[in-house]
Amino acid sequence: MSLFNNNKKAEGLLEDRGLADLDKDAFWQVRAILSELEEEQLLKNSKKVISSDYVAEKAIASYLRAIVEQNWVLIAQNDQIIKSLGSKNNTSVSKK
């Protein structure tokens, strides 16, 4: 059972980290990342001793995949910021 079968849990986790105002697309991407980490039990017990090389490699791969997915979210958000700033800049230049 995934941690995020209920959106309220995901919203609570994001709110705890100051991310309550994510747009819908970013929310679903972050939710997918957290769900994958939860399925691998890497959120609750991330400090536990990993007993075998296979488990350790699987955990490392999951963490790396989460970082890659987070980077995609950041790229999309940065693109939105750049476009927003560009449109504001164009508006202020045309007013002069």
PDB file of N, CA and C in Angstrom:
ATOM      1  N   MET A   1       0.840  -1.175   0.000  1.00  0.00           N
ATOM      2  CA  MET A   1       0.000   0.000   0.000  1.00  0.00           C
ATOM      3  C   MET A   1       0.886   1.240   0.000  1.00  0.00           C
ATOM      4  N   SER A   2       0.613   2.115  -0.893  1.00  0.00           N
ATOM      5  CA  SER A   2       1.414   3.316  -1.034  1.00  0.00           C
ATOM      6  C   SER A   2       1.024   4.358   0.007  1.00  0.00           C
ATOM      7  N   LEU A   3       1.996   5.100   0.424  1.00  0.00           N
ATOM      8  CA  LEU A   3       1.778   6.179   1.382  1.00  0.00           C
ATOM      9  C   LEU A   3       0.807   7.215   0.830  1.00  0.00           C
ATOM     10  N   PHE A   4       0.797   7.370  -0.486  1.00  0.00           N
ATOM     11  CA  PHE A   4       0.058   8.469  -1.075  1.00  0.00           C
ATOM     12  C   PHE A   4      -1.211   8.033  -1.791  1.00  0.00           C
ATOM     13  N   ASN A   5      -1.868   6.997  -1.289  1.00  0.00           N
ATOM     14  CA  ASN A   5      -3.193   6.667  -1.794  1.00  0.00           C
ATOM     15  C   ASN A   5      -4.156   7.782  -1.443  1.00  0.00           C
ATOM     16  N   ASN A   6      -3.826   8.524  -0.436  1.00  0.00           N
ATOM     17  CA  ASN A   6      -4.640   9.642   0.019  1.00  0.00           C
ATOM     18  C   ASN A   6      -3.858  10.932  -0.219  1.00  0.00           C
ATOM     19  N   ASN A   7      -4.409  11.843  -1.024  1.00  0.00           N
ATOM     20  CA  ASN A   7      -3.725  13.104  -1.331  1.00  0.00           C
ATOM     21  C   ASN A   7      -3.434  13.926  -0.088  1.00  0.00           C
ATOM     22  N   LYS A   8      -4.239  13.778   0.968  1.00  0.00           N
ATOM     23  CA  LYS A   8      -4.036  14.554   2.191  1.00  0.00           C
ATOM     24  C   LYS A   8      -2.677  14.252   2.812  1.00  0.00           C
ATOM     25  N   LYS A   9      -2.236  12.992   2.736  1.00  0.00           N
ATOM     26  CA  LYS A   9      -0.929  12.636   3.286  1.00  0.00           C
ATOM     27  C   LYS A   9       0.186  13.332   2.517  1.00  0.00           C
ATOM     28  N   ALA A  10       0.071  13.319   1.195  1.00  0.00           N
ATOM     29  CA  ALA A  10       1.084  13.987   0.366  1.00  0.00           C
ATOM     30  C   ALA A  10       1.074  15.483   0.627  1.00  0.00           C
ATOM     31  N   GLU A  11      -0.110  16.060   0.711  1.00  0.00           N
ATOM     32  CA  GLU A  11      -0.223  17.494   0.971  1.00  0.00           C
ATOM     33  C   GLU A  11       0.390  17.846   2.327  1.00  0.00           C
ATOM     34  N   GLY A  12       0.162  17.006   3.328  1.00  0.00           N
ATOM     35  CA  GLY A  12       0.730  17.243   4.654  1.00  0.00           C
ATOM     36  C   GLY A  12       2.245  17.184   4.642  1.00  0.00           C
ATOM     37  N   LEU A  13       2.790  16.213   3.931  1.00  0.00           N
ATOM     38  CA  LEU A  13       4.233  16.076   3.834  1.00  0.00           C
ATOM     39  C   LEU A  13       4.847  17.280   3.129  1.00  0.00           C
ATOM     40  N   LEU A  14       4.204  17.727   2.055  1.00  0.00           N
ATOM     41  CA  LEU A  14       4.709  18.899   1.332  1.00  0.00           C
ATOM     42  C   LEU A  14       4.575  20.167   2.170  1.00  0.00           C
ATOM     43  N   GLU A  15       3.483  20.278   2.897  1.00  0.00           N
ATOM     44  CA  GLU A  15       3.276  21.456   3.757  1.00  0.00           C
ATOM     45  C   GLU A  15       4.358  21.525   4.833  1.00  0.00           C
ATOM     46  N   ASP A  16       4.720  20.369   5.403  1.00  0.00           N
ATOM     47  CA  ASP A  16       5.769  20.327   6.421  1.00  0.00           C
ATOM     48  C   ASP A  16       7.100  20.856   5.885  1.00  0.00           C
ATOM     49  N   ARG A  17       7.276  20.766   4.580  1.00  0.00           N
ATOM     50  CA  ARG A  17       8.528  21.197   3.961  1.00  0.00           C
ATOM     51  C   ARG A  17       8.408  22.552   3.258  1.00  0.00           C
ATOM     52  N   GLY A  18       7.298  23.252   3.505  1.00  0.00           N
ATOM     53  CA  GLY A  18       7.112  24.572   2.921  1.00  0.00           C
ATOM     54  C   GLY A  18       6.749  24.555   1.443  1.00  0.00           C
ATOM     55  N   LEU A  19       6.178  23.450   0.975  1.00  0.00           N
ATOM     56  CA  LEU A  19       5.850  23.303  -0.444  1.00  0.00           C
ATOM     57  C   LEU A  19       4.353  23.150  -0.686  1.00  0.00           C
ATOM     58  N   ALA A  20       3.558  23.759   0.150  1.00  0.00           N
ATOM     59  CA  ALA A  20       2.101  23.601   0.069  1.00  0.00           C
ATOM     60  C   ALA A  20       1.502  24.254  -1.172  1.00  0.00           C
ATOM     61  N   ASP A  21       2.212  25.211  -1.774  1.00  0.00           N
ATOM     62  CA  ASP A  21       1.652  25.957  -2.897  1.00  0.00           C
ATOM     63  C   ASP A  21       2.158  25.488  -4.261  1.00  0.00           C
ATOM     64  N   LEU A  22       2.579  24.244  -4.367  1.00  0.00           N
ATOM     65  CA  LEU A  22       3.017  23.722  -5.665  1.00  0.00           C
ATOM     66  C   LEU A  22       1.853  23.716  -6.645  1.00  0.00           C
ATOM     67  N   ASP A  23       2.161  23.962  -7.929  1.00  0.00           N
ATOM     68  CA  ASP A  23       1.103  23.844  -8.919  1.00  0.00           C
ATOM     69  C   ASP A  23       0.755  22.371  -9.113  1.00  0.00           C
ATOM     70  N   LYS A  24      -0.352  22.127  -9.789  1.00  0.00           N
ATOM     71  CA  LYS A  24      -0.886  20.771  -9.905  1.00  0.00           C
ATOM     72  C   LYS A  24       0.116  19.804 -10.547  1.00  0.00           C
ATOM     73  N   ASP A  25       0.784  20.239 -11.616  1.00  0.00           N
ATOM     74  CA  ASP A  25       1.735  19.362 -12.297  1.00  0.00           C
ATOM     75  C   ASP A  25       2.909  19.001 -11.404  1.00  0.00           C
ATOM     76  N   ALA A  26       3.477  19.989 -10.726  1.00  0.00           N
ATOM     77  CA  ALA A  26       4.608  19.731  -9.832  1.00  0.00           C
ATOM     78  C   ALA A  26       4.182  18.841  -8.674  1.00  0.00           C
ATOM     79  N   PHE A  27       2.962  19.060  -8.151  1.00  0.00           N
ATOM     80  CA  PHE A  27       2.464  18.240  -7.050  1.00  0.00           C
ATOM     81  C   PHE A  27       2.430  16.766  -7.451  1.00  0.00           C
ATOM     82  N   TRP A  28       1.905  16.478  -8.628  1.00  0.00           N
ATOM     83  CA  TRP A  28       1.806  15.077  -9.057  1.00  0.00           C
ATOM     84  C   TRP A  28       3.168  14.464  -9.307  1.00  0.00           C
ATOM     85  N   GLN A  29       4.119  15.250  -9.806  1.00  0.00           N
ATOM     86  CA  GLN A  29       5.468  14.737 -10.015  1.00  0.00           C
ATOM     87  C   GLN A  29       6.142  14.431  -8.676  1.00  0.00           C
ATOM     88  N   VAL A  30       6.022  15.357  -7.741  1.00  0.00           N
ATOM     89  CA  VAL A  30       6.623  15.145  -6.417  1.00  0.00           C
ATOM     90  C   VAL A  30       5.942  13.967  -5.719  1.00  0.00           C
ATOM     91  N   ARG A  31       4.645  13.868  -5.862  1.00  0.00           N
ATOM     92  CA  ARG A  31       3.896  12.754  -5.271  1.00  0.00           C
ATOM     93  C   ARG A  31       4.401  11.415  -5.819  1.00  0.00           C
ATOM     94  N   ALA A  32       4.667  11.352  -7.118  1.00  0.00           N
ATOM     95  CA  ALA A  32       5.171  10.118  -7.721  1.00  0.00           C
ATOM     96  C   ALA A  32       6.558   9.766  -7.182  1.00  0.00           C
ATOM     97  N   ILE A  33       7.405  10.765  -7.019  1.00  0.00           N
ATOM     98  CA  ILE A  33       8.743  10.541  -6.467  1.00  0.00           C
ATOM     99  C   ILE A  33       8.645   9.986  -5.046  1.00  0.00           C
ATOM    100  N   LEU A  34       7.825  10.641  -4.221  1.00  0.00           N
ATOM    101  CA  LEU A  34       7.684  10.203  -2.835  1.00  0.00           C
ATOM    102  C   LEU A  34       7.051   8.816  -2.742  1.00  0.00           C
ATOM    103  N   SER A  35       6.114   8.527  -3.628  1.00  0.00           N
ATOM    104  CA  SER A  35       5.483   7.203  -3.615  1.00  0.00           C
ATOM    105  C   SER A  35       6.495   6.109  -3.927  1.00  0.00           C
ATOM    106  N   GLU A  36       7.353   6.379  -4.900  1.00  0.00           N
ATOM    107  CA  GLU A  36       8.372   5.386  -5.247  1.00  0.00           C
ATOM    108  C   GLU A  36       9.336   5.156  -4.088  1.00  0.00           C
ATOM    109  N   LEU A  37       9.760   6.225  -3.436  1.00  0.00           N
ATOM    110  CA  LEU A  37      10.648   6.072  -2.288  1.00  0.00           C
ATOM    111  C   LEU A  37       9.955   5.338  -1.145  1.00  0.00           C
ATOM    112  N   GLU A  38       8.674   5.618  -0.956  1.00  0.00           N
ATOM    113  CA  GLU A  38       7.913   4.942   0.093  1.00  0.00           C
ATOM    114  C   GLU A  38       7.778   3.446  -0.205  1.00  0.00           C
ATOM    115  N   GLU A  39       7.540   3.104  -1.465  1.00  0.00           N
ATOM    116  CA  GLU A  39       7.419   1.692  -1.836  1.00  0.00           C
ATOM    117  C   GLU A  39       8.695   0.929  -1.528  1.00  0.00           C
ATOM    118  N   GLU A  40       9.820   1.597  -1.678  1.00  0.00           N
ATOM    119  CA  GLU A  40      11.109   0.973  -1.374  1.00  0.00           C
ATOM    120  C   GLU A  40      11.470   1.111   0.104  1.00  0.00           C
ATOM    121  N   GLN A  41      10.573   1.665   0.888  1.00  0.00           N
ATOM    122  CA  GLN A  41      10.744   1.890   2.329  1.00  0.00           C
ATOM    123  C   GLN A  41      11.978   2.744   2.618  1.00  0.00           C
ATOM    124  N   LEU A  42      12.178   3.764   1.787  1.00  0.00           N
ATOM    125  CA  LEU A  42      13.341   4.627   1.940  1.00  0.00           C
ATOM    126  C   LEU A  42      13.005   5.957   2.604  1.00  0.00           C
ATOM    127  N   LEU A  43      11.735   6.195   2.895  1.00  0.00           N
ATOM    128  CA  LEU A  43      11.367   7.420   3.600  1.00  0.00           C
ATOM    129  C   LEU A  43      11.342   7.202   5.100  1.00  0.00           C
ATOM    130  N   LYS A  44      10.730   6.130   5.523  1.00  0.00           N
ATOM    131  CA  LYS A  44      10.573   5.882   6.964  1.00  0.00           C
ATOM    132  C   LYS A  44      11.869   5.463   7.624  1.00  0.00           C
ATOM    133  N   ASN A  45      12.590   4.561   6.989  1.00  0.00           N
ATOM    134  CA  ASN A  45      13.748   3.944   7.623  1.00  0.00           C
ATOM    135  C   ASN A  45      15.030   4.228   6.862  1.00  0.00           C
ATOM    136  N   SER A  46      15.192   5.446   6.393  1.00  0.00           N
ATOM    137  CA  SER A  46      16.352   5.748   5.569  1.00  0.00           C
ATOM    138  C   SER A  46      17.667   5.657   6.349  1.00  0.00           C
ATOM    139  N   LYS A  47      17.598   5.665   7.683  1.00  0.00           N
ATOM    140  CA  LYS A  47      18.811   5.567   8.489  1.00  0.00           C
ATOM    141  C   LYS A  47      19.125   4.132   8.910  1.00  0.00           C
ATOM    142  N   LYS A  48      18.265   3.205   8.517  1.00  0.00           N
ATOM    143  CA  LYS A  48      18.510   1.823   8.924  1.00  0.00           C
ATOM    144  C   LYS A  48      19.750   1.257   8.236  1.00  0.00           C
ATOM    145  N   VAL A  49      20.366   0.304   8.877  1.00  0.00           N
ATOM    146  CA  VAL A  49      21.533  -0.348   8.303  1.00  0.00           C
ATOM    147  C   VAL A  49      21.049  -1.267   7.186  1.00  0.00           C
ATOM    148  N   ILE A  50      21.641  -1.106   6.020  1.00  0.00           N
ATOM    149  CA  ILE A  50      21.266  -1.934   4.879  1.00  0.00           C
ATOM    150  C   ILE A  50      22.142  -3.179   4.932  1.00  0.00           C
ATOM    151  N   SER A  51      21.470  -4.338   5.003  1.00  0.00           N
ATOM    152  CA  SER A  51      22.163  -5.572   5.351  1.00  0.00           C
ATOM    153  C   SER A  51      22.866  -6.273   4.200  1.00  0.00           C
ATOM    154  N   SER A  52      22.446  -6.079   2.977  1.00  0.00           N
ATOM    155  CA  SER A  52      23.096  -6.789   1.888  1.00  0.00           C
ATOM    156  C   SER A  52      23.486  -5.822   0.779  1.00  0.00           C
ATOM    157  N   ASP A  53      24.440  -6.236  -0.035  1.00  0.00           N
ATOM    158  CA  ASP A  53      24.885  -5.399  -1.146  1.00  0.00           C
ATOM    159  C   ASP A  53      23.743  -5.140  -2.126  1.00  0.00           C
ATOM    160  N   TYR A  54      22.912  -6.167  -2.372  1.00  0.00           N
ATOM    161  CA  TYR A  54      21.799  -6.015  -3.306  1.00  0.00           C
ATOM    162  C   TYR A  54      20.823  -4.947  -2.817  1.00  0.00           C
ATOM    163  N   VAL A  55      20.479  -5.004  -1.542  1.00  0.00           N
ATOM    164  CA  VAL A  55      19.548  -4.032  -0.976  1.00  0.00           C
ATOM    165  C   VAL A  55      20.167  -2.635  -1.015  1.00  0.00           C
ATOM    166  N   ALA A  56      21.463  -2.558  -0.698  1.00  0.00           N
ATOM    167  CA  ALA A  56      22.146  -1.267  -0.715  1.00  0.00           C
ATOM    168  C   ALA A  56      22.167  -0.686  -2.128  1.00  0.00           C
ATOM    169  N   GLU A  57      22.455  -1.504  -3.115  1.00  0.00           N
ATOM    170  CA  GLU A  57      22.478  -1.039  -4.508  1.00  0.00           C
ATOM    171  C   GLU A  57      21.093  -0.611  -4.963  1.00  0.00           C
ATOM    172  N   LYS A  58      20.086  -1.349  -4.547  1.00  0.00           N
ATOM    173  CA  LYS A  58      18.705  -1.002  -4.914  1.00  0.00           C
ATOM    174  C   LYS A  58      18.314   0.332  -4.276  1.00  0.00           C
ATOM    175  N   ALA A  59      18.705   0.548  -3.023  1.00  0.00           N
ATOM    176  CA  ALA A  59      18.400   1.808  -2.337  1.00  0.00           C
ATOM    177  C   ALA A  59      19.111   2.971  -3.024  1.00  0.00           C
ATOM    178  N   ILE A  60      20.367   2.772  -3.364  1.00  0.00           N
ATOM    179  CA  ILE A  60      21.129   3.825  -4.043  1.00  0.00           C
ATOM    180  C   ILE A  60      20.486   4.157  -5.379  1.00  0.00           C
ATOM    181  N   ALA A  61      20.088   3.129  -6.136  1.00  0.00           N
ATOM    182  CA  ALA A  61      19.439   3.353  -7.429  1.00  0.00           C
ATOM    183  C   ALA A  61      18.129   4.123  -7.257  1.00  0.00           C
ATOM    184  N   SER A  62      17.369   3.802  -6.236  1.00  0.00           N
ATOM    185  CA  SER A  62      16.105   4.503  -5.989  1.00  0.00           C
ATOM    186  C   SER A  62      16.338   5.957  -5.621  1.00  0.00           C
ATOM    187  N   TYR A  63      17.327   6.216  -4.771  1.00  0.00           N
ATOM    188  CA  TYR A  63      17.646   7.591  -4.407  1.00  0.00           C
ATOM    189  C   TYR A  63      18.119   8.384  -5.629  1.00  0.00           C
ATOM    190  N   LEU A  64      18.955   7.773  -6.465  1.00  0.00           N
ATOM    191  CA  LEU A  64      19.441   8.459  -7.658  1.00  0.00           C
ATOM    192  C   LEU A  64      18.304   8.754  -8.629  1.00  0.00           C
ATOM    193  N   ARG A  65      17.390   7.798  -8.781  1.00  0.00           N
ATOM    194  CA  ARG A  65      16.236   8.029  -9.649  1.00  0.00           C
ATOM    195  C   ARG A  65      15.389   9.184  -9.111  1.00  0.00           C
ATOM    196  N   ALA A  66      15.215   9.250  -7.797  1.00  0.00           N
ATOM    197  CA  ALA A  66      14.453  10.349  -7.191  1.00  0.00           C
ATOM    198  C   ALA A  66      15.128  11.686  -7.472  1.00  0.00           C
ATOM    199  N   ILE A  67      16.443  11.727  -7.411  1.00  0.00           N
ATOM    200  CA  ILE A  67      17.172  12.966  -7.696  1.00  0.00           C
ATOM    201  C   ILE A  67      16.969  13.391  -9.146  1.00  0.00           C
ATOM    202  N   VAL A  68      17.028  12.433 -10.064  1.00  0.00           N
ATOM    203  CA  VAL A  68      16.803  12.737 -11.478  1.00  0.00           C
ATOM    204  C   VAL A  68      15.396  13.292 -11.685  1.00  0.00           C
ATOM    205  N   GLU A  69      14.408  12.646 -11.075  1.00  0.00           N
ATOM    206  CA  GLU A  69      13.022  13.113 -11.211  1.00  0.00           C
ATOM    207  C   GLU A  69      12.857  14.507 -10.603  1.00  0.00           C
ATOM    208  N   GLN A  70      13.499  14.750  -9.470  1.00  0.00           N
ATOM    209  CA  GLN A  70      13.441  16.078  -8.852  1.00  0.00           C
ATOM    210  C   GLN A  70      14.049  17.123  -9.766  1.00  0.00           C
ATOM    211  N   ASN A  71      15.119  16.759 -10.454  1.00  0.00           N
ATOM    212  CA  ASN A  71      15.741  17.693 -11.388  1.00  0.00           C
ATOM    213  C   ASN A  71      14.783  18.072 -12.512  1.00  0.00           C
ATOM    214  N   TRP A  72      13.993  17.109 -12.994  1.00  0.00           N
ATOM    215  CA  TRP A  72      13.003  17.430 -14.033  1.00  0.00           C
ATOM    216  C   TRP A  72      11.979  18.432 -13.509  1.00  0.00           C
ATOM    217  N   VAL A  73      11.567  18.257 -12.276  1.00  0.00           N
ATOM    218  CA  VAL A  73      10.623  19.203 -11.664  1.00  0.00           C
ATOM    219  C   VAL A  73      11.254  20.595 -11.597  1.00  0.00           C
ATOM    220  N   LEU A  74      12.495  20.665 -11.159  1.00  0.00           N
ATOM    221  CA  LEU A  74      13.191  21.955 -11.062  1.00  0.00           C
ATOM    222  C   LEU A  74      13.362  22.614 -12.432  1.00  0.00           C
ATOM    223  N   ILE A  75      13.686  21.823 -13.436  1.00  0.00           N
ATOM    224  CA  ILE A  75      13.833  22.365 -14.789  1.00  0.00           C
ATOM    225  C   ILE A  75      12.511  22.972 -15.258  1.00  0.00           C
ATOM    226  N   ALA A  76      11.418  22.265 -15.042  1.00  0.00           N
ATOM    227  CA  ALA A  76      10.103  22.772 -15.457  1.00  0.00           C
ATOM    228  C   ALA A  76       9.754  24.055 -14.707  1.00  0.00           C
ATOM    229  N   GLN A  77      10.013  24.078 -13.412  1.00  0.00           N
ATOM    230  CA  GLN A  77       9.709  25.275 -12.623  1.00  0.00           C
ATOM    231  C   GLN A  77      10.590  26.444 -13.036  1.00  0.00           C
ATOM    232  N   ASN A  78      11.869  26.194 -13.293  1.00  0.00           N
ATOM    233  CA  ASN A  78      12.759  27.262 -13.747  1.00  0.00           C
ATOM    234  C   ASN A  78      12.305  27.819 -15.089  1.00  0.00           C
ATOM    235  N   ASP A  79      11.839  26.943 -15.970  1.00  0.00           N
ATOM    236  CA  ASP A  79      11.337  27.382 -17.270  1.00  0.00           C
ATOM    237  C   ASP A  79      10.128  28.301 -17.092  1.00  0.00           C
ATOM    238  N   GLN A  80       9.242  27.942 -16.179  1.00  0.00           N
ATOM    239  CA  GLN A  80       8.070  28.789 -15.905  1.00  0.00           C
ATOM    240  C   GLN A  80       8.502  30.152 -15.364  1.00  0.00           C
ATOM    241  N   ILE A  81       9.478  30.170 -14.493  1.00  0.00           N
ATOM    242  CA  ILE A  81       9.975  31.423 -13.916  1.00  0.00           C
ATOM    243  C   ILE A  81      10.590  32.298 -15.012  1.00  0.00           C
ATOM    244  N   ILE A  82      11.407  31.698 -15.847  1.00  0.00           N
ATOM    245  CA  ILE A  82      12.061  32.449 -16.921  1.00  0.00           C
ATOM    246  C   ILE A  82      11.027  33.047 -17.870  1.00  0.00           C
ATOM    247  N   LYS A  83      10.036  32.250 -18.235  1.00  0.00           N
ATOM    248  CA  LYS A  83       8.984  32.758 -19.130  1.00  0.00           C
ATOM    249  C   LYS A  83       8.196  33.882 -18.466  1.00  0.00           C
ATOM    250  N   SER A  84       7.899  33.730 -17.198  1.00  0.00           N
ATOM    251  CA  SER A  84       7.164  34.764 -16.477  1.00  0.00           C
ATOM    252  C   SER A  84       7.970  36.057 -16.400  1.00  0.00           C
ATOM    253  N   LEU A  85       9.242  35.947 -16.087  1.00  0.00           N
ATOM    254  CA  LEU A  85      10.099  37.132 -16.018  1.00  0.00           C
ATOM    255  C   LEU A  85      10.256  37.768 -17.397  1.00  0.00           C
ATOM    256  N   GLY A  86      10.342  36.948 -18.428  1.00  0.00           N
ATOM    257  CA  GLY A  86      10.454  37.467 -19.785  1.00  0.00           C
ATOM    258  C   GLY A  86       9.222  38.238 -20.201  1.00  0.00           C
ATOM    259  N   SER A  87       8.056  37.718 -19.855  1.00  0.00           N
ATOM    260  CA  SER A  87       6.826  38.425 -20.226  1.00  0.00           C
ATOM    261  C   SER A  87       6.669  39.715 -19.425  1.00  0.00           C
ATOM    262  N   LYS A  88       7.091  39.728 -18.171  1.00  0.00           N
ATOM    263  CA  LYS A  88       7.039  40.957 -17.370  1.00  0.00           C
ATOM    264  C   LYS A  88       8.023  41.987 -17.907  1.00  0.00           C
ATOM    265  N   ASN A  89       9.193  41.526 -18.341  1.00  0.00           N
ATOM    266  CA  ASN A  89      10.198  42.415 -18.900  1.00  0.00           C
ATOM    267  C   ASN A  89       9.690  43.033 -20.196  1.00  0.00           C
ATOM    268  N   ASN A  90       9.055  42.238 -21.043  1.00  0.00           N
ATOM    269  CA  ASN A  90       8.510  42.742 -22.296  1.00  0.00           C
ATOM    270  C   ASN A  90       7.407  43.763 -22.044  1.00  0.00           C
ATOM    271  N   THR A  91       6.605  43.543 -21.030  1.00  0.00           N
ATOM    272  CA  THR A  91       5.519  44.469 -20.689  1.00  0.00           C
ATOM    273  C   THR A  91       6.086  45.806 -20.211  1.00  0.00           C
ATOM    274  N   SER A  92       7.106  45.762 -19.377  1.00  0.00           N
ATOM    275  CA  SER A  92       7.677  47.007 -18.844  1.00  0.00           C
ATOM    276  C   SER A  92       8.427  47.776 -19.917  1.00  0.00           C
ATOM    277  N   VAL A  93       9.052  47.081 -20.865  1.00  0.00           N
ATOM    278  CA  VAL A  93       9.775  47.751 -21.956  1.00  0.00           C
ATOM    279  C   VAL A  93       8.777  48.443 -22.881  1.00  0.00           C
ATOM    280  N   SER A  94       7.639  47.809 -23.160  1.00  0.00           N
ATOM    281  CA  SER A  94       6.664  48.401 -24.069  1.00  0.00           C
ATOM    282  C   SER A  94       5.968  49.625 -23.455  1.00  0.00           C
ATOM    283  N   LYS A  95       5.938  49.732 -22.122  1.00  0.00           N
ATOM    284  CA  LYS A  95       5.310  50.876 -21.452  1.00  0.00           C
ATOM    285  C   LYS A  95       6.178  52.125 -21.521  1.00  0.00           C
ATOM    286  N   LYS A  96       7.471  51.947 -21.758  1.00  0.00           N
ATOM    287  CA  LYS A  96       8.394  53.092 -21.776  1.00  0.00           C
ATOM    288  C   LYS A  96       8.263  53.787 -23.059  1.00  0.00           C
TER     289      LYS A  96
END
